[in-house]
Amino acid sequence: MGFEKITEEESNYSNLEKMSVHELLVNINKEDKIVPQAIEKIIPQIEKLVSVISDKMIAGGRLFYIGAGTSGRLGILDASEIPPTYGMPYGLVIGIIAGGKEAIQKPIENAEDDVTQGWLDLQSYAVNENDVVIGIAASGTTPYVIGALEKCKENKIATGSISCNPDSPLSAEVDYPIEIIVGPEFVTGSTRMKSGTAQKLVLNMISTAVMIQIGRVEDNRMVNMQLTNSKLVDRGTHMLMEKTGINDYEKAKALLLKYGSVKKAEDSL
């Protein structure tokens, strides 16, 4: 691709197999501390992307994450947590991985090298200019992702990216590039480590900020969370009691279960 991949550079550490367990853990932790500092430098870029996504979603659009390998799995993870956490319907935040569902648990040979399949996968969801598509690739060179984003651009779909190399080919293709420069990995080229951690933190920031912006949080509470287990029902019951002044736990719990969320239960009163 004609540019230097910091993510593939030689580790700053040698003879890892000769380190004690304590030394391994201390050094991995030392490297991990670099990640939030790198993210702090690019908050303005993240802010621009969050603002666009929020506007699009308020207007009825969707958010897509698309990636291969670890990057694809991280996008699917973030997307899958939005409905239970914020009570959003399934299908508004969508994660797509090269190779399909089978690739979530095991690598699919050559899937990330297919330059046309990413766009085909997006088309299966009828992606359109109301949506935002974020390509995730630590290297910033994954053909599956770049090909998809090129076609999005041609079709006037807003695009962002999350990568860990400066001035990558992926960044050049999108409207809102995010580059988190965390340096070489502890194990040379193992981008599931610092690069993956950086991507996960930025995904957390994007989706959480968007959900707050579109009204899915009140004060600091997940008032729209799905009541998928007893812990969440208990948390929601106490939240409802606090917000409404209901002193009877069982009454508040019954009201919560009837309406399905703190927000809907509160609005019913």
Protein backbone atom coordinates (compact mmCIF):
# COMPACT_ATOMS: atom_id res chain seq x y z
CA MET A 1 0.00 0.00 0.00
CA GLY A 2 3.07 2.23 0.08
CA PHE A 3 3.03 3.42 3.67
CA GLU A 4 4.59 2.34 6.94
CA LYS A 5 2.48 0.22 9.28
CA ILE A 6 3.36 1.09 12.87
CA THR A 7 1.03 -1.71 13.96
CA GLU A 8 3.38 -4.24 12.32
CA GLU A 9 6.67 -2.81 13.63
CA GLU A 10 8.99 -4.85 15.84
CA SER A 11 7.99 -4.97 19.52
CA ASN A 12 9.91 -2.74 21.92
CA TYR A 13 10.52 -5.88 24.02
CA SER A 14 12.73 -8.88 23.25
CA ASN A 15 13.00 -12.45 24.54
CA LEU A 16 9.45 -12.50 25.88
CA GLU A 17 9.70 -16.22 26.61
CA LYS A 18 12.50 -15.51 29.10
CA MET A 19 10.45 -13.04 31.13
CA SER A 20 8.82 -14.08 34.39
CA VAL A 21 5.03 -13.96 34.57
CA HIS A 22 5.32 -10.81 36.69
CA GLU A 23 7.56 -9.13 34.09
CA LEU A 24 5.17 -10.09 31.29
CA LEU A 25 2.17 -8.62 33.10
CA VAL A 26 3.98 -5.44 34.16
CA ASN A 27 5.21 -4.81 30.61
CA ILE A 28 1.85 -5.52 28.98
CA ASN A 29 0.23 -3.15 31.47
CA LYS A 30 2.90 -0.54 30.72
CA GLU A 31 2.05 -0.73 27.03
CA ASP A 32 -1.71 -0.61 27.69
CA LYS A 33 -1.29 2.71 29.52
CA ILE A 34 -0.35 4.26 26.18
CA VAL A 35 -3.85 3.68 24.79
CA PRO A 36 -5.97 6.29 26.66
CA GLN A 37 -3.26 8.89 26.13
CA ALA A 38 -3.38 8.26 22.39
CA ILE A 39 -7.17 8.53 22.40
CA GLU A 40 -7.09 11.82 24.32
CA LYS A 41 -5.21 13.41 21.41
CA ILE A 42 -7.96 12.59 18.90
CA ILE A 43 -11.13 13.43 20.84
CA PRO A 44 -11.95 16.25 18.36
CA GLN A 45 -12.07 13.68 15.52
CA ILE A 46 -14.29 11.36 17.57
CA GLU A 47 -16.56 14.30 18.41
CA LYS A 48 -17.18 15.10 14.73
CA LEU A 49 -18.19 11.50 14.01
CA VAL A 50 -20.47 11.28 17.07
CA SER A 51 -22.29 14.46 16.01
CA VAL A 52 -22.95 13.10 12.52
CA ILE A 53 -24.18 9.73 13.81
CA SER A 54 -26.48 11.40 16.35
CA ASP A 55 -28.05 13.63 13.70
CA LYS A 56 -28.53 10.71 11.32
CA MET A 57 -30.07 8.45 13.97
CA ILE A 58 -32.45 11.16 15.21
CA ALA A 59 -33.58 11.47 11.58
CA GLY A 60 -34.24 7.71 11.41
CA GLY A 61 -30.91 6.42 10.09
CA ARG A 62 -28.80 3.51 11.29
CA LEU A 63 -25.19 2.95 12.34
CA PHE A 64 -23.10 0.20 10.73
CA TYR A 65 -19.74 -1.15 11.85
CA ILE A 66 -17.81 -3.20 9.30
CA GLY A 67 -14.50 -4.98 9.83
CA ALA A 68 -12.53 -8.22 9.59
CA GLY A 69 -11.05 -10.41 12.33
CA THR A 70 -10.65 -8.73 15.73
CA SER A 71 -11.88 -5.42 14.33
CA GLY A 72 -15.06 -7.00 13.00
CA ARG A 73 -15.69 -8.82 16.28
CA LEU A 74 -15.34 -5.60 18.26
CA GLY A 75 -17.91 -3.91 16.04
CA ILE A 76 -20.35 -6.79 16.50
CA LEU A 77 -19.78 -6.68 20.27
CA ASP A 78 -20.56 -2.97 20.49
CA ALA A 79 -23.62 -3.28 18.24
CA SER A 80 -24.99 -6.26 20.19
CA GLU A 81 -24.87 -4.38 23.50
CA ILE A 82 -26.95 -1.39 22.38
CA PRO A 83 -30.45 -2.98 22.51
CA PRO A 84 -30.16 -4.46 26.05
CA THR A 85 -28.35 -1.44 27.47
CA TYR A 86 -30.39 1.34 25.90
CA GLY A 87 -33.63 -0.36 24.82
CA MET A 88 -32.98 0.39 21.15
CA PRO A 89 -34.65 -1.89 18.60
CA TYR A 90 -32.40 -4.50 17.04
CA GLY A 91 -31.26 -3.42 13.61
CA LEU A 92 -30.45 0.22 14.35
CA VAL A 93 -26.81 -0.47 15.22
CA ILE A 94 -25.43 -3.29 13.08
CA GLY A 95 -22.05 -5.05 13.13
CA ILE A 96 -20.80 -6.79 9.99
CA ILE A 97 -17.72 -9.05 9.84
CA ALA A 98 -15.85 -10.39 6.82
CA GLY A 99 -16.78 -14.04 6.42
CA GLY A 100 -20.16 -13.72 8.14
CA LYS A 101 -21.32 -15.20 11.43
CA GLU A 102 -18.89 -18.13 11.25
CA ALA A 103 -16.01 -15.63 11.37
CA ILE A 104 -17.03 -14.41 14.83
CA GLN A 105 -15.44 -17.49 16.39
CA LYS A 106 -12.88 -18.61 13.83
CA PRO A 107 -10.91 -17.07 10.97
CA ILE A 108 -12.31 -17.44 7.45
CA GLU A 109 -9.56 -17.80 4.86
CA ASN A 110 -9.13 -14.79 2.55
CA ALA A 111 -12.38 -13.15 3.70
CA GLU A 112 -10.65 -9.87 4.54
CA ASP A 113 -9.00 -9.73 1.11
CA ASP A 114 -12.28 -9.66 -0.85
CA VAL A 115 -12.63 -6.07 -2.04
CA THR A 116 -16.26 -6.43 -3.24
CA GLN A 117 -17.92 -8.51 -0.51
CA GLY A 118 -18.10 -5.72 2.10
CA TRP A 119 -20.39 -3.62 -0.05
CA LEU A 120 -22.52 -6.68 -0.88
CA ASP A 121 -22.86 -7.39 2.86
CA LEU A 122 -23.97 -3.79 3.48
CA GLN A 123 -26.44 -3.97 0.59
CA SER A 124 -28.14 -6.94 2.23
CA TYR A 125 -29.30 -4.41 4.85
CA ALA A 126 -30.39 -1.90 2.17
CA VAL A 127 -27.77 0.59 3.38
CA ASN A 128 -28.55 4.10 2.14
CA GLU A 129 -27.64 7.76 2.59
CA ASN A 130 -29.68 8.03 5.80
CA ASP A 131 -27.13 5.73 7.47
CA VAL A 132 -23.53 6.04 8.73
CA VAL A 133 -20.94 3.32 8.07
CA ILE A 134 -17.78 3.02 10.19
CA GLY A 135 -14.95 0.85 8.88
CA ILE A 136 -12.77 -0.72 11.58
CA ALA A 137 -9.27 -1.96 10.68
CA ALA A 138 -6.19 -1.71 12.88
CA SER A 139 -3.89 -1.64 9.87
CA GLY A 140 -6.08 0.72 7.86
CA THR A 141 -5.42 -1.46 4.81
CA THR A 142 -8.05 -4.24 4.91
CA PRO A 143 -9.44 -4.61 1.34
CA TYR A 144 -12.85 -5.88 2.54
CA VAL A 145 -13.35 -2.69 4.56
CA ILE A 146 -11.80 -0.23 2.11
CA GLY A 147 -13.85 -1.63 -0.78
CA ALA A 148 -17.07 -1.24 1.22
CA LEU A 149 -16.25 2.34 2.20
CA GLU A 150 -15.34 3.31 -1.38
CA LYS A 151 -18.79 2.19 -2.52
CA CYS A 152 -20.43 4.04 0.38
CA LYS A 153 -18.69 7.21 -0.77
CA GLU A 154 -19.93 6.69 -4.33
CA ASN A 155 -23.46 6.35 -2.95
CA LYS A 156 -23.25 9.49 -0.78
CA ILE A 157 -23.35 7.53 2.51
CA ALA A 158 -21.59 9.20 5.48
CA THR A 159 -18.49 7.25 6.52
CA GLY A 160 -16.04 7.04 9.39
CA SER A 161 -13.12 4.79 10.25
CA ILE A 162 -11.16 3.55 13.26
CA SER A 163 -7.57 2.52 12.58
CA CYS A 164 -4.17 2.57 14.29
CA ASN A 165 -1.77 3.72 11.57
CA PRO A 166 -1.28 7.34 10.46
CA ASP A 167 -2.43 8.38 6.98
CA SER A 168 -3.76 4.95 6.10
CA PRO A 169 -5.56 4.08 2.84
CA LEU A 170 -8.76 3.53 4.86
CA SER A 171 -8.61 7.02 6.36
CA ALA A 172 -8.24 8.49 2.88
CA GLU A 173 -11.56 6.95 1.83
CA VAL A 174 -13.81 8.24 4.62
CA ASP A 175 -15.40 11.50 5.74
CA TYR A 176 -14.48 11.18 9.41
CA PRO A 177 -11.26 9.21 9.99
CA ILE A 178 -10.12 8.31 13.51
CA GLU A 179 -6.49 7.20 13.86
CA ILE A 180 -5.34 5.98 17.27
CA ILE A 181 -1.56 5.73 17.14
CA VAL A 182 -0.58 3.35 19.94
CA GLY A 183 2.74 2.11 18.53
CA PRO A 184 4.12 -1.42 18.09
CA GLU A 185 2.42 -4.26 19.91
CA PHE A 186 3.97 -6.12 22.86
CA VAL A 187 3.90 -9.27 20.73
CA THR A 188 4.96 -8.04 17.29
CA GLY A 189 1.94 -7.59 15.01
CA SER A 190 -0.62 -8.86 17.55
CA THR A 191 -3.15 -6.10 16.97
CA ARG A 192 -5.74 -7.71 19.22
CA MET A 193 -3.72 -6.13 22.05
CA LYS A 194 -3.20 -2.33 22.17
CA SER A 195 -4.88 -1.71 18.83
CA GLY A 196 -7.89 -3.81 19.80
CA THR A 197 -8.11 -2.12 23.20
CA ALA A 198 -7.96 1.30 21.52
CA GLN A 199 -10.73 0.36 19.09
CA LYS A 200 -12.92 -0.98 21.92
CA LEU A 201 -12.49 2.21 23.97
CA VAL A 202 -13.35 4.42 20.99
CA LEU A 203 -16.38 2.28 20.13
CA ASN A 204 -17.54 2.64 23.75
CA MET A 205 -17.13 6.40 23.48
CA ILE A 206 -18.98 6.65 20.16
CA SER A 207 -21.99 4.50 20.98
CA THR A 208 -22.40 5.78 24.55
CA ALA A 209 -22.16 9.42 23.51
CA VAL A 210 -24.62 8.83 20.65
CA MET A 211 -27.14 7.09 22.92
CA ILE A 212 -26.95 9.98 25.39
CA GLN A 213 -27.31 12.51 22.57
CA ILE A 214 -30.45 10.85 21.21
CA GLY A 215 -32.10 10.72 24.63
CA ARG A 216 -31.59 7.14 25.83
CA VAL A 217 -30.06 8.22 29.18
CA GLU A 218 -31.54 10.44 31.90
CA ASP A 219 -29.17 11.98 34.46
CA ASN A 220 -26.63 9.13 34.56
CA ARG A 221 -29.11 6.23 34.33
CA MET A 222 -29.94 3.64 31.68
CA VAL A 223 -33.66 4.34 31.88
CA ASN A 224 -34.37 2.41 28.67
CA MET A 225 -32.42 -0.77 29.46
CA GLN A 226 -34.09 -4.09 28.70
CA LEU A 227 -35.09 -6.10 31.75
CA THR A 228 -33.26 -9.25 30.72
CA ASN A 229 -32.36 -10.58 34.17
CA SER A 230 -33.20 -10.21 37.86
CA LYS A 231 -30.25 -7.89 38.51
CA LEU A 232 -31.52 -5.41 35.92
CA VAL A 233 -35.09 -5.67 37.19
CA ASP A 234 -33.86 -4.87 40.70
CA ARG A 235 -31.74 -1.98 39.46
CA GLY A 236 -34.65 -0.64 37.40
CA THR A 237 -37.06 -0.94 40.34
CA HIS A 238 -34.80 1.13 42.60
CA MET A 239 -34.28 3.63 39.79
CA LEU A 240 -38.04 3.99 39.33
CA MET A 241 -38.59 4.40 43.09
CA GLU A 242 -35.96 7.13 43.17
CA LYS A 243 -37.35 8.98 40.15
CA THR A 244 -41.05 8.80 41.10
CA GLY A 245 -41.06 8.79 44.89
CA ILE A 246 -42.82 5.39 45.03
CA ASN A 247 -41.85 3.87 48.39
CA ASP A 248 -43.27 0.38 47.84
CA TYR A 249 -40.67 -1.86 46.14
CA GLU A 250 -43.20 -4.44 44.90
CA LYS A 251 -45.48 -1.74 43.50
CA ALA A 252 -42.58 -0.13 41.66
CA LYS A 253 -41.40 -3.52 40.39
CA ALA A 254 -44.88 -4.41 39.10
CA LEU A 255 -45.11 -1.07 37.31
CA LEU A 256 -41.68 -1.56 35.79
CA LEU A 257 -42.47 -5.06 34.54
CA LYS A 258 -45.80 -3.90 33.13
CA TYR A 259 -44.23 -1.19 30.97
CA GLY A 260 -40.85 -2.81 30.29
CA SER A 261 -38.54 0.10 31.07
CA VAL A 262 -38.00 2.79 33.69
CA LYS A 263 -38.71 5.47 31.11
CA LYS A 264 -42.06 4.01 29.98
CA ALA A 265 -43.12 3.24 33.57
CA GLU A 266 -42.32 6.79 34.67
CA ASP A 267 -44.15 8.30 31.70
CA SER A 268 -47.27 6.25 32.59
CA LEU A 269 -47.71 8.08 35.90
